[in-house]
């Protein structure tokens, strides 16, 4: 395996993000950085740290070598399916009680 260029790493990562519909904002959350910092790495203006690539690979459920092997890696290593996170279904709250009705006061109560 030759050393991949930052553009190769970004291309593989971008392809995997697209397959799994993961945004740069989500990767930023995973890495604990801002979305513009992820963008800088994707554009190649800042190099990826190995630890960041490992975190991203673990999050995406793919081997880190996917990003380091170049463009042919995704053809030989298909993307495993990652379970879609589900949220528990919470029933809506009950409607508020109706406002109290005003009853007419009798003459003795009005006095």
PDB file of N, CA and C in Angstrom:
ATOM      1  N   UNK A   1       0.848  -1.171   0.000  1.00  0.00           N
ATOM      2  CA  UNK A   1       0.000   0.000   0.000  1.00  0.00           C
ATOM      3  C   UNK A   1       0.892   1.233   0.000  1.00  0.00           C
ATOM      4  N   UNK A   2       0.702   2.107  -0.958  1.00  0.00           N
ATOM      5  CA  UNK A   2       1.483   3.345  -1.011  1.00  0.00           C
ATOM      6  C   UNK A   2       0.829   4.380  -0.097  1.00  0.00           C
ATOM      7  N   UNK A   3       1.575   5.428   0.185  1.00  0.00           N
ATOM      8  CA  UNK A   3       1.032   6.485   1.019  1.00  0.00           C
ATOM      9  C   UNK A   3      -0.024   7.256   0.231  1.00  0.00           C
ATOM     10  N   UNK A   4      -1.254   7.306   0.746  1.00  0.00           N
ATOM     11  CA  UNK A   4      -2.297   8.033   0.024  1.00  0.00           C
ATOM     12  C   UNK A   4      -2.100   9.536   0.200  1.00  0.00           C
ATOM     13  N   UNK A   5      -2.508  10.272  -0.792  1.00  0.00           N
ATOM     14  CA  UNK A   5      -2.435  11.728  -0.684  1.00  0.00           C
ATOM     15  C   UNK A   5      -3.611  12.202   0.166  1.00  0.00           C
ATOM     16  N   UNK A   6      -3.530  13.425   0.722  1.00  0.00           N
ATOM     17  CA  UNK A   6      -4.676  13.969   1.453  1.00  0.00           C
ATOM     18  C   UNK A   6      -5.944  13.978   0.594  1.00  0.00           C
ATOM     19  N   UNK A   7      -5.786  14.199  -0.718  1.00  0.00           N
ATOM     20  CA  UNK A   7      -6.945  14.185  -1.616  1.00  0.00           C
ATOM     21  C   UNK A   7      -7.550  12.786  -1.703  1.00  0.00           C
ATOM     22  N   UNK A   8      -6.695  11.735  -1.710  1.00  0.00           N
ATOM     23  CA  UNK A   8      -7.198  10.360  -1.739  1.00  0.00           C
ATOM     24  C   UNK A   8      -7.968  10.038  -0.463  1.00  0.00           C
ATOM     25  N   UNK A   9      -7.406  10.440   0.670  1.00  0.00           N
ATOM     26  CA  UNK A   9      -8.075  10.205   1.957  1.00  0.00           C
ATOM     27  C   UNK A   9      -9.430  10.901   1.967  1.00  0.00           C
ATOM     28  N   UNK A  10      -9.435  12.161   1.552  1.00  0.00           N
ATOM     29  CA  UNK A  10     -10.690  12.929   1.536  1.00  0.00           C
ATOM     30  C   UNK A  10     -11.701  12.301   0.582  1.00  0.00           C
ATOM     31  N   UNK A  11     -11.248  11.828  -0.574  1.00  0.00           N
ATOM     32  CA  UNK A  11     -12.167  11.228  -1.549  1.00  0.00           C
ATOM     33  C   UNK A  11     -12.800   9.962  -0.985  1.00  0.00           C
ATOM     34  N   UNK A  12     -12.010   9.122  -0.350  1.00  0.00           N
ATOM     35  CA  UNK A  12     -12.548   7.895   0.240  1.00  0.00           C
ATOM     36  C   UNK A  12     -13.506   8.216   1.382  1.00  0.00           C
ATOM     37  N   UNK A  13     -13.116   9.171   2.210  1.00  0.00           N
ATOM     38  CA  UNK A  13     -13.963   9.554   3.335  1.00  0.00           C
ATOM     39  C   UNK A  13     -15.269  10.172   2.834  1.00  0.00           C
ATOM     40  N   UNK A  14     -15.172  11.034   1.844  1.00  0.00           N
ATOM     41  CA  UNK A  14     -16.365  11.667   1.276  1.00  0.00           C
ATOM     42  C   UNK A  14     -17.309  10.620   0.686  1.00  0.00           C
ATOM     43  N   UNK A  15     -16.742   9.629   0.004  1.00  0.00           N
ATOM     44  CA  UNK A  15     -17.559   8.570  -0.588  1.00  0.00           C
ATOM     45  C   UNK A  15     -18.279   7.772   0.501  1.00  0.00           C
ATOM     46  N   UNK A  16     -17.560   7.439   1.552  1.00  0.00           N
ATOM     47  CA  UNK A  16     -18.178   6.670   2.639  1.00  0.00           C
ATOM     48  C   UNK A  16     -19.238   7.493   3.358  1.00  0.00           C
ATOM     49  N   UNK A  17     -18.966   8.769   3.557  1.00  0.00           N
ATOM     50  CA  UNK A  17     -19.963   9.653   4.186  1.00  0.00           C
ATOM     51  C   UNK A  17     -21.226   9.705   3.326  1.00  0.00           C
ATOM     52  N   UNK A  18     -21.042   9.767   2.015  1.00  0.00           N
ATOM     53  CA  UNK A  18     -22.191   9.797   1.110  1.00  0.00           C
ATOM     54  C   UNK A  18     -22.994   8.514   1.168  1.00  0.00           C
ATOM     55  N   UNK A  19     -22.299   7.378   1.200  1.00  0.00           N
ATOM     56  CA  UNK A  19     -22.997   6.086   1.254  1.00  0.00           C
ATOM     57  C   UNK A  19     -23.827   5.974   2.525  1.00  0.00           C
ATOM     58  N   UNK A  20     -23.295   6.520   3.617  1.00  0.00           N
ATOM     59  CA  UNK A  20     -23.983   6.392   4.902  1.00  0.00           C
ATOM     60  C   UNK A  20     -24.790   7.634   5.278  1.00  0.00           C
ATOM     61  N   UNK A  21     -24.791   8.618   4.389  1.00  0.00           N
ATOM     62  CA  UNK A  21     -25.527   9.867   4.611  1.00  0.00           C
ATOM     63  C   UNK A  21     -25.122  10.541   5.935  1.00  0.00           C
ATOM     64  N   UNK A  22     -23.823  10.685   6.099  1.00  0.00           N
ATOM     65  CA  UNK A  22     -23.262  11.350   7.281  1.00  0.00           C
ATOM     66  C   UNK A  22     -22.763  12.720   6.853  1.00  0.00           C
ATOM     67  N   UNK A  23     -23.107  13.737   7.616  1.00  0.00           N
ATOM     68  CA  UNK A  23     -22.706  15.099   7.289  1.00  0.00           C
ATOM     69  C   UNK A  23     -21.383  15.474   7.961  1.00  0.00           C
ATOM     70  N   UNK A  24     -20.794  16.544   7.464  1.00  0.00           N
ATOM     71  CA  UNK A  24     -19.588  17.074   8.108  1.00  0.00           C
ATOM     72  C   UNK A  24     -19.910  17.526   9.530  1.00  0.00           C
ATOM     73  N   UNK A  25     -21.096  18.053   9.735  1.00  0.00           N
ATOM     74  CA  UNK A  25     -21.497  18.496  11.084  1.00  0.00           C
ATOM     75  C   UNK A  25     -21.516  17.310  12.045  1.00  0.00           C
ATOM     76  N   UNK A  26     -22.011  16.154  11.584  1.00  0.00           N
ATOM     77  CA  UNK A  26     -22.040  14.959  12.438  1.00  0.00           C
ATOM     78  C   UNK A  26     -20.622  14.496  12.739  1.00  0.00           C
ATOM     79  N   UNK A  27     -19.748  14.504  11.724  1.00  0.00           N
ATOM     80  CA  UNK A  27     -18.350  14.121  11.980  1.00  0.00           C
ATOM     81  C   UNK A  27     -17.702  15.081  12.963  1.00  0.00           C
ATOM     82  N   UNK A  28     -18.029  16.359  12.854  1.00  0.00           N
ATOM     83  CA  UNK A  28     -17.487  17.342  13.792  1.00  0.00           C
ATOM     84  C   UNK A  28     -17.898  16.988  15.218  1.00  0.00           C
ATOM     85  N   UNK A  29     -19.162  16.604  15.403  1.00  0.00           N
ATOM     86  CA  UNK A  29     -19.625  16.188  16.733  1.00  0.00           C
ATOM     87  C   UNK A  29     -18.848  14.975  17.233  1.00  0.00           C
ATOM     88  N   UNK A  30     -18.658  14.002  16.355  1.00  0.00           N
ATOM     89  CA  UNK A  30     -17.941  12.784  16.727  1.00  0.00           C
ATOM     90  C   UNK A  30     -16.501  13.108  17.139  1.00  0.00           C
ATOM     91  N   UNK A  31     -15.867  14.017  16.407  1.00  0.00           N
ATOM     92  CA  UNK A  31     -14.463  14.353  16.658  1.00  0.00           C
ATOM     93  C   UNK A  31     -14.275  15.424  17.728  1.00  0.00           C
ATOM     94  N   UNK A  32     -15.350  16.119  18.084  1.00  0.00           N
ATOM     95  CA  UNK A  32     -15.224  17.193  19.066  1.00  0.00           C
ATOM     96  C   UNK A  32     -14.563  18.437  18.498  1.00  0.00           C
ATOM     97  N   UNK A  33     -14.786  18.669  17.203  1.00  0.00           N
ATOM     98  CA  UNK A  33     -14.247  19.860  16.545  1.00  0.00           C
ATOM     99  C   UNK A  33     -15.399  20.579  15.851  1.00  0.00           C
ATOM    100  N   UNK A  34     -15.109  21.723  15.257  1.00  0.00           N
ATOM    101  CA  UNK A  34     -16.153  22.457  14.544  1.00  0.00           C
ATOM    102  C   UNK A  34     -16.312  21.914  13.125  1.00  0.00           C
ATOM    103  N   UNK A  35     -17.463  22.192  12.512  1.00  0.00           N
ATOM    104  CA  UNK A  35     -17.695  21.767  11.132  1.00  0.00           C
ATOM    105  C   UNK A  35     -16.676  22.395  10.183  1.00  0.00           C
ATOM    106  N   UNK A  36     -16.309  23.699  10.352  1.00  0.00           N
ATOM    107  CA  UNK A  36     -15.273  24.251   9.467  1.00  0.00           C
ATOM    108  C   UNK A  36     -13.927  23.523   9.583  1.00  0.00           C
ATOM    109  N   UNK A  37     -13.613  22.987  10.775  1.00  0.00           N
ATOM    110  CA  UNK A  37     -12.371  22.225  10.918  1.00  0.00           C
ATOM    111  C   UNK A  37     -12.440  20.913  10.127  1.00  0.00           C
ATOM    112  N   UNK A  38     -13.600  20.285  10.125  1.00  0.00           N
ATOM    113  CA  UNK A  38     -13.767  19.075   9.307  1.00  0.00           C
ATOM    114  C   UNK A  38     -13.658  19.447   7.834  1.00  0.00           C
ATOM    115  N   UNK A  39     -14.272  20.560   7.453  1.00  0.00           N
ATOM    116  CA  UNK A  39     -14.208  21.018   6.070  1.00  0.00           C
ATOM    117  C   UNK A  39     -12.758  21.254   5.639  1.00  0.00           C
ATOM    118  N   UNK A  40     -11.962  21.866   6.505  1.00  0.00           N
ATOM    119  CA  UNK A  40     -10.544  22.098   6.190  1.00  0.00           C
ATOM    120  C   UNK A  40      -9.821  20.783   5.910  1.00  0.00           C
ATOM    121  N   UNK A  41     -10.148  19.757   6.682  1.00  0.00           N
ATOM    122  CA  UNK A  41      -9.521  18.452   6.471  1.00  0.00           C
ATOM    123  C   UNK A  41     -10.013  17.828   5.162  1.00  0.00           C
ATOM    124  N   UNK A  42     -11.314  17.977   4.898  1.00  0.00           N
ATOM    125  CA  UNK A  42     -11.870  17.410   3.669  1.00  0.00           C
ATOM    126  C   UNK A  42     -11.297  18.094   2.424  1.00  0.00           C
ATOM    127  N   UNK A  43     -10.985  19.386   2.544  1.00  0.00           N
ATOM    128  CA  UNK A  43     -10.408  20.132   1.429  1.00  0.00           C
ATOM    129  C   UNK A  43      -8.898  19.937   1.308  1.00  0.00           C
ATOM    130  N   UNK A  44      -8.285  19.326   2.330  1.00  0.00           N
ATOM    131  CA  UNK A  44      -6.851  19.091   2.295  1.00  0.00           C
ATOM    132  C   UNK A  44      -6.010  20.260   2.778  1.00  0.00           C
ATOM    133  N   UNK A  45      -6.645  21.311   3.296  1.00  0.00           N
ATOM    134  CA  UNK A  45      -5.859  22.438   3.813  1.00  0.00           C
ATOM    135  C   UNK A  45      -5.268  22.118   5.179  1.00  0.00           C
ATOM    136  N   UNK A  46      -5.833  21.134   5.871  1.00  0.00           N
ATOM    137  CA  UNK A  46      -5.305  20.644   7.147  1.00  0.00           C
ATOM    138  C   UNK A  46      -5.255  19.124   7.040  1.00  0.00           C
ATOM    139  N   UNK A  47      -4.137  18.531   7.447  1.00  0.00           N
ATOM    140  CA  UNK A  47      -4.008  17.071   7.393  1.00  0.00           C
ATOM    141  C   UNK A  47      -4.841  16.411   8.480  1.00  0.00           C
ATOM    142  N   UNK A  48      -5.372  15.237   8.165  1.00  0.00           N
ATOM    143  CA  UNK A  48      -6.073  14.425   9.152  1.00  0.00           C
ATOM    144  C   UNK A  48      -5.047  13.848  10.115  1.00  0.00           C
ATOM    145  N   UNK A  49      -5.366  13.799  11.381  1.00  0.00           N
ATOM    146  CA  UNK A  49      -4.533  13.086  12.349  1.00  0.00           C
ATOM    147  C   UNK A  49      -4.946  11.622  12.286  1.00  0.00           C
ATOM    148  N   UNK A  50      -4.023  10.739  12.558  1.00  0.00           N
ATOM    149  CA  UNK A  50      -4.332   9.311  12.542  1.00  0.00           C
ATOM    150  C   UNK A  50      -5.433   9.003  13.548  1.00  0.00           C
ATOM    151  N   UNK A  51      -5.363   9.614  14.720  1.00  0.00           N
ATOM    152  CA  UNK A  51      -6.389   9.358  15.742  1.00  0.00           C
ATOM    153  C   UNK A  51      -7.778   9.798  15.263  1.00  0.00           C
ATOM    154  N   UNK A  52      -7.838  10.876  14.486  1.00  0.00           N
ATOM    155  CA  UNK A  52      -9.125  11.330  13.943  1.00  0.00           C
ATOM    156  C   UNK A  52      -9.667  10.325  12.936  1.00  0.00           C
ATOM    157  N   UNK A  53      -8.795   9.824  12.066  1.00  0.00           N
ATOM    158  CA  UNK A  53      -9.234   8.834  11.079  1.00  0.00           C
ATOM    159  C   UNK A  53      -9.720   7.562  11.759  1.00  0.00           C
ATOM    160  N   UNK A  54      -9.063   7.183  12.848  1.00  0.00           N
ATOM    161  CA  UNK A  54      -9.495   6.000  13.594  1.00  0.00           C
ATOM    162  C   UNK A  54     -10.882   6.239  14.189  1.00  0.00           C
ATOM    163  N   UNK A  55     -11.101   7.413  14.787  1.00  0.00           N
ATOM    164  CA  UNK A  55     -12.416   7.740  15.348  1.00  0.00           C
ATOM    165  C   UNK A  55     -13.498   7.721  14.276  1.00  0.00           C
ATOM    166  N   UNK A  56     -13.199   8.309  13.140  1.00  0.00           N
ATOM    167  CA  UNK A  56     -14.170   8.364  12.045  1.00  0.00           C
ATOM    168  C   UNK A  56     -14.478   6.950  11.546  1.00  0.00           C
ATOM    169  N   UNK A  57     -13.441   6.139  11.379  1.00  0.00           N
ATOM    170  CA  UNK A  57     -13.641   4.762  10.908  1.00  0.00           C
ATOM    171  C   UNK A  57     -14.499   3.973  11.889  1.00  0.00           C
ATOM    172  N   UNK A  58     -14.232   4.128  13.171  1.00  0.00           N
ATOM    173  CA  UNK A  58     -15.034   3.424  14.177  1.00  0.00           C
ATOM    174  C   UNK A  58     -16.480   3.889  14.128  1.00  0.00           C
ATOM    175  N   UNK A  59     -16.683   5.176  14.007  1.00  0.00           N
ATOM    176  CA  UNK A  59     -18.049   5.708  13.929  1.00  0.00           C
ATOM    177  C   UNK A  59     -18.784   5.171  12.700  1.00  0.00           C
ATOM    178  N   UNK A  60     -18.089   5.137  11.562  1.00  0.00           N
ATOM    179  CA  UNK A  60     -18.715   4.681  10.323  1.00  0.00           C
ATOM    180  C   UNK A  60     -18.785   3.157  10.220  1.00  0.00           C
ATOM    181  N   UNK A  61     -18.075   2.471  11.111  1.00  0.00           N
ATOM    182  CA  UNK A  61     -18.102   1.012  11.090  1.00  0.00           C
ATOM    183  C   UNK A  61     -17.316   0.403   9.950  1.00  0.00           C
ATOM    184  N   UNK A  62     -16.233   1.071   9.548  1.00  0.00           N
ATOM    185  CA  UNK A  62     -15.389   0.563   8.472  1.00  0.00           C
ATOM    186  C   UNK A  62     -13.949   0.505   8.969  1.00  0.00           C
ATOM    187  N   UNK A  63     -13.103  -0.309   8.343  1.00  0.00           N
ATOM    188  CA  UNK A  63     -11.693  -0.324   8.754  1.00  0.00           C
ATOM    189  C   UNK A  63     -11.012   0.986   8.362  1.00  0.00           C
ATOM    190  N   UNK A  64     -10.116   1.440   9.195  1.00  0.00           N
ATOM    191  CA  UNK A  64      -9.413   2.700   8.900  1.00  0.00           C
ATOM    192  C   UNK A  64      -8.624   2.583   7.606  1.00  0.00           C
ATOM    193  N   UNK A  65      -8.242   1.379   7.242  1.00  0.00           N
ATOM    194  CA  UNK A  65      -7.501   1.184   5.995  1.00  0.00           C
ATOM    195  C   UNK A  65      -8.332   1.581   4.781  1.00  0.00           C
ATOM    196  N   UNK A  66      -9.652   1.647   4.938  1.00  0.00           N
ATOM    197  CA  UNK A  66     -10.523   2.087   3.836  1.00  0.00           C
ATOM    198  C   UNK A  66     -10.083   3.460   3.350  1.00  0.00           C
ATOM    199  N   UNK A  67      -9.700   4.337   4.277  1.00  0.00           N
ATOM    200  CA  UNK A  67      -9.323   5.700   3.913  1.00  0.00           C
ATOM    201  C   UNK A  67      -7.867   5.801   3.473  1.00  0.00           C
ATOM    202  N   UNK A  68      -7.078   4.811   3.829  1.00  0.00           N
ATOM    203  CA  UNK A  68      -5.644   4.873   3.554  1.00  0.00           C
ATOM    204  C   UNK A  68      -5.231   4.071   2.329  1.00  0.00           C
ATOM    205  N   UNK A  69      -6.153   3.285   1.779  1.00  0.00           N
ATOM    206  CA  UNK A  69      -5.792   2.379   0.694  1.00  0.00           C
ATOM    207  C   UNK A  69      -6.000   2.968  -0.688  1.00  0.00           C
ATOM    208  N   UNK A  70      -6.595   4.138  -0.790  1.00  0.00           N
ATOM    209  CA  UNK A  70      -6.803   4.747  -2.100  1.00  0.00           C
ATOM    210  C   UNK A  70      -8.157   4.407  -2.675  1.00  0.00           C
ATOM    211  N   UNK A  71      -8.429   4.911  -3.868  1.00  0.00           N
ATOM    212  CA  UNK A  71      -9.752   4.803  -4.462  1.00  0.00           C
ATOM    213  C   UNK A  71     -10.247   3.389  -4.727  1.00  0.00           C
ATOM    214  N   UNK A  72      -9.370   2.416  -4.870  1.00  0.00           N
ATOM    215  CA  UNK A  72      -9.811   1.060  -5.169  1.00  0.00           C
ATOM    216  C   UNK A  72     -10.299   0.317  -3.932  1.00  0.00           C
ATOM    217  N   UNK A  73     -10.039   0.842  -2.728  1.00  0.00           N
ATOM    218  CA  UNK A  73     -10.369   0.124  -1.506  1.00  0.00           C
ATOM    219  C   UNK A  73     -11.863  -0.123  -1.356  1.00  0.00           C
ATOM    220  N   UNK A  74     -12.683   0.851  -1.693  1.00  0.00           N
ATOM    221  CA  UNK A  74     -14.121   0.681  -1.495  1.00  0.00           C
ATOM    222  C   UNK A  74     -14.706  -0.355  -2.447  1.00  0.00           C
ATOM    223  N   UNK A  75     -14.017  -0.639  -3.538  1.00  0.00           N
ATOM    224  CA  UNK A  75     -14.512  -1.657  -4.467  1.00  0.00           C
ATOM    225  C   UNK A  75     -14.259  -3.058  -3.929  1.00  0.00           C
ATOM    226  N   UNK A  76     -13.167  -3.232  -3.177  1.00  0.00           N
ATOM    227  CA  UNK A  76     -12.840  -4.552  -2.656  1.00  0.00           C
ATOM    228  C   UNK A  76     -13.373  -4.778  -1.252  1.00  0.00           C
ATOM    229  N   UNK A  77     -13.730  -3.718  -0.541  1.00  0.00           N
ATOM    230  CA  UNK A  77     -14.267  -3.831   0.817  1.00  0.00           C
ATOM    231  C   UNK A  77     -15.624  -3.147   0.862  1.00  0.00           C
ATOM    232  N   UNK A  78     -16.705  -3.869   0.614  1.00  0.00           N
ATOM    233  CA  UNK A  78     -18.005  -3.211   0.637  1.00  0.00           C
ATOM    234  C   UNK A  78     -18.332  -2.669   2.020  1.00  0.00           C
ATOM    235  N   UNK A  79     -19.134  -1.649   2.034  1.00  0.00           N
ATOM    236  CA  UNK A  79     -19.527  -1.010   3.282  1.00  0.00           C
ATOM    237  C   UNK A  79     -20.468  -1.905   4.068  1.00  0.00           C
ATOM    238  N   UNK A  80     -20.123  -2.196   5.337  1.00  0.00           N
ATOM    239  CA  UNK A  80     -21.069  -2.961   6.141  1.00  0.00           C
ATOM    240  C   UNK A  80     -22.272  -2.087   6.464  1.00  0.00           C
ATOM    241  N   UNK A  81     -23.398  -2.728   6.648  1.00  0.00           N
ATOM    242  CA  UNK A  81     -24.575  -1.936   6.990  1.00  0.00           C
ATOM    243  C   UNK A  81     -24.535  -1.621   8.471  1.00  0.00           C
ATOM    244  N   UNK A  82     -24.820  -0.399   8.769  1.00  0.00           N
ATOM    245  CA  UNK A  82     -24.826   0.076  10.141  1.00  0.00           C
ATOM    246  C   UNK A  82     -26.280   0.219  10.548  1.00  0.00           C
ATOM    247  N   UNK A  83     -26.666  -0.302  11.718  1.00  0.00           N
ATOM    248  CA  UNK A  83     -28.071  -0.172  12.096  1.00  0.00           C
ATOM    249  C   UNK A  83     -28.450   1.296  12.239  1.00  0.00           C
ATOM    250  N   UNK A  84     -29.629   1.610  11.777  1.00  0.00           N
ATOM    251  CA  UNK A  84     -30.125   2.972  11.895  1.00  0.00           C
ATOM    252  C   UNK A  84     -30.588   3.191  13.329  1.00  0.00           C
ATOM    253  N   UNK A  85     -30.059   4.223  13.986  1.00  0.00           N
ATOM    254  CA  UNK A  85     -30.504   4.452  15.363  1.00  0.00           C
ATOM    255  C   UNK A  85     -31.991   4.794  15.382  1.00  0.00           C
ATOM    256  N   UNK A  86     -32.664   4.240  16.350  1.00  0.00           N
ATOM    257  CA  UNK A  86     -34.084   4.524  16.477  1.00  0.00           C
ATOM    258  C   UNK A  86     -34.334   5.250  17.783  1.00  0.00           C
ATOM    259  N   UNK A  87     -35.317   6.091  17.755  1.00  0.00           N
ATOM    260  CA  UNK A  87     -35.715   6.792  18.971  1.00  0.00           C
ATOM    261  C   UNK A  87     -36.927   6.084  19.542  1.00  0.00           C
ATOM    262  N   UNK A  88     -37.013   6.019  20.869  1.00  0.00           N
ATOM    263  CA  UNK A  88     -38.212   5.408  21.436  1.00  0.00           C
ATOM    264  C   UNK A  88     -39.437   6.247  21.072  1.00  0.00           C
ATOM    265  N   UNK A  89     -40.510   5.549  20.811  1.00  0.00           N
ATOM    266  CA  UNK A  89     -41.742   6.246  20.462  1.00  0.00           C
ATOM    267  C   UNK A  89     -42.420   6.663  21.755  1.00  0.00           C
ATOM    268  N   UNK A  90     -42.593   7.963  21.906  1.00  0.00           N
ATOM    269  CA  UNK A  90     -43.243   8.505  23.089  1.00  0.00           C
ATOM    270  C   UNK A  90     -44.610   9.016  22.685  1.00  0.00           C
ATOM    271  N   UNK A  91     -45.655   8.568  23.400  1.00  0.00           N
ATOM    272  CA  UNK A  91     -46.978   9.061  23.032  1.00  0.00           C
ATOM    273  C   UNK A  91     -47.087  10.549  23.348  1.00  0.00           C
ATOM    274  N   UNK A  92     -47.922  11.249  22.607  1.00  0.00           N
ATOM    275  CA  UNK A  92     -48.078  12.675  22.874  1.00  0.00           C
ATOM    276  C   UNK A  92     -48.733  12.884  24.239  1.00  0.00           C
ATOM    277  N   UNK A  93     -48.476  14.018  24.866  1.00  0.00           N
ATOM    278  CA  UNK A  93     -49.090  14.261  26.175  1.00  0.00           C
ATOM    279  C   UNK A  93     -50.597  14.409  26.021  1.00  0.00           C
ATOM    280  N   UNK A  94     -51.329  14.122  27.104  1.00  0.00           N
ATOM    281  CA  UNK A  94     -52.783  14.264  27.009  1.00  0.00           C
ATOM    282  C   UNK A  94     -53.148  15.736  26.848  1.00  0.00           C
ATOM    283  N   UNK A  95     -54.308  15.991  26.250  1.00  0.00           N
ATOM    284  CA  UNK A  95     -54.705  17.393  26.083  1.00  0.00           C
ATOM    285  C   UNK A  95     -55.009  18.020  27.434  1.00  0.00           C
ATOM    286  N   UNK A  96     -54.841  19.322  27.536  1.00  0.00           N
ATOM    287  CA  UNK A  96     -55.122  19.967  28.821  1.00  0.00           C
ATOM    288  C   UNK A  96     -56.620  19.895  29.115  1.00  0.00           C
ATOM    289  N   UNK A  97     -56.979  19.943  30.411  1.00  0.00           N
ATOM    290  CA  UNK A  97     -58.407  19.889  30.749  1.00  0.00           C
ATOM    291  C   UNK A  97     -59.101  21.155  30.245  1.00  0.00           C
ATOM    292  N   UNK A  98     -60.382  21.050  29.967  1.00  0.00           N
ATOM    293  CA  UNK A  98     -61.090  22.236  29.491  1.00  0.00           C
ATOM    294  C   UNK A  98     -61.155  23.280  30.598  1.00  0.00           C
ATOM    295  N   UNK A  99     -61.264  24.553  30.238  1.00  0.00           N
ATOM    296  CA  UNK A  99     -61.339  25.582  31.277  1.00  0.00           C
ATOM    297  C   UNK A  99     -62.655  25.434  32.048  1.00  0.00           C
ATOM    298  N   UNK A 100     -62.635  25.854  33.311  1.00  0.00           N
ATOM    299  CA  UNK A 100     -63.868  25.727  34.099  1.00  0.00           C
ATOM    300  C   UNK A 100     -64.963  26.609  33.484  1.00  0.00           C
ATOM    301  N   UNK A 101     -66.160  26.100  33.560  1.00  0.00           N
ATOM    302  CA  UNK A 101     -67.283  26.868  33.019  1.00  0.00           C
ATOM    303  C   UNK A 101     -67.821  27.779  34.110  1.00  0.00           C
ATOM    304  N   UNK A 102     -68.282  28.938  33.695  1.00  0.00           N
ATOM    305  CA  UNK A 102     -68.861  29.875  34.654  1.00  0.00           C
ATOM    306  C   UNK A 102     -70.355  29.583  34.731  1.00  0.00           C
ATOM    307  N   UNK A 103     -70.823  29.457  35.920  1.00  0.00           N
ATOM    308  CA  UNK A 103     -72.251  29.243  36.081  1.00  0.00           C
ATOM    309  C   UNK A 103     -72.873  30.529  36.541  1.00  0.00           C
ATOM    310  N   UNK A 104     -74.076  30.672  36.213  1.00  0.00           N
ATOM    311  CA  UNK A 104     -74.790  31.894  36.612  1.00  0.00           C
ATOM    312  C   UNK A 104     -75.029  31.860  38.121  1.00  0.00           C
ATOM    313  N   UNK A 105     -74.781  32.994  38.740  1.00  0.00           N
ATOM    314  CA  UNK A 105     -75.020  33.100  40.176  1.00  0.00           C
ATOM    315  C   UNK A 105     -76.517  33.335  40.441  1.00  0.00           C
ATOM    316  N   UNK A 106     -76.961  32.686  41.463  1.00  0.00           N
ATOM    317  CA  UNK A 106     -78.354  32.926  41.856  1.00  0.00           C
ATOM    318  C   UNK A 106     -78.446  34.295  42.525  1.00  0.00           C
ATOM    319  N   UNK A 107     -79.675  34.814  42.709  1.00  0.00           N
ATOM    320  CA  UNK A 107     -79.843  36.142  43.318  1.00  0.00           C
ATOM    321  C   UNK A 107     -79.269  36.179  44.715  1.00  0.00           C
ATOM    322  N   UNK A 108     -79.406  35.087  45.469  1.00  0.00           N
ATOM    323  CA  UNK A 108     -78.897  35.091  46.840  1.00  0.00           C
ATOM    324  C   UNK A 108     -77.377  35.072  46.862  1.00  0.00           C
ATOM    325  N   UNK A 109     -76.732  34.410  45.881  1.00  0.00           N
ATOM    326  CA  UNK A 109     -75.271  34.366  45.831  1.00  0.00           C
ATOM    327  C   UNK A 109     -74.720  35.715  45.329  1.00  0.00           C
ATOM    328  N   UNK A 110     -75.471  36.390  44.474  1.00  0.00           N
ATOM    329  CA  UNK A 110     -75.009  37.654  43.915  1.00  0.00           C
ATOM    330  C   UNK A 110     -75.057  38.747  44.955  1.00  0.00           C
ATOM    331  N   UNK A 111     -75.902  38.636  45.958  1.00  0.00           N
ATOM    332  CA  UNK A 111     -76.056  39.709  46.947  1.00  0.00           C
ATOM    333  C   UNK A 111     -74.994  39.697  47.990  1.00  0.00           C
TER     334      UNK A 111
END
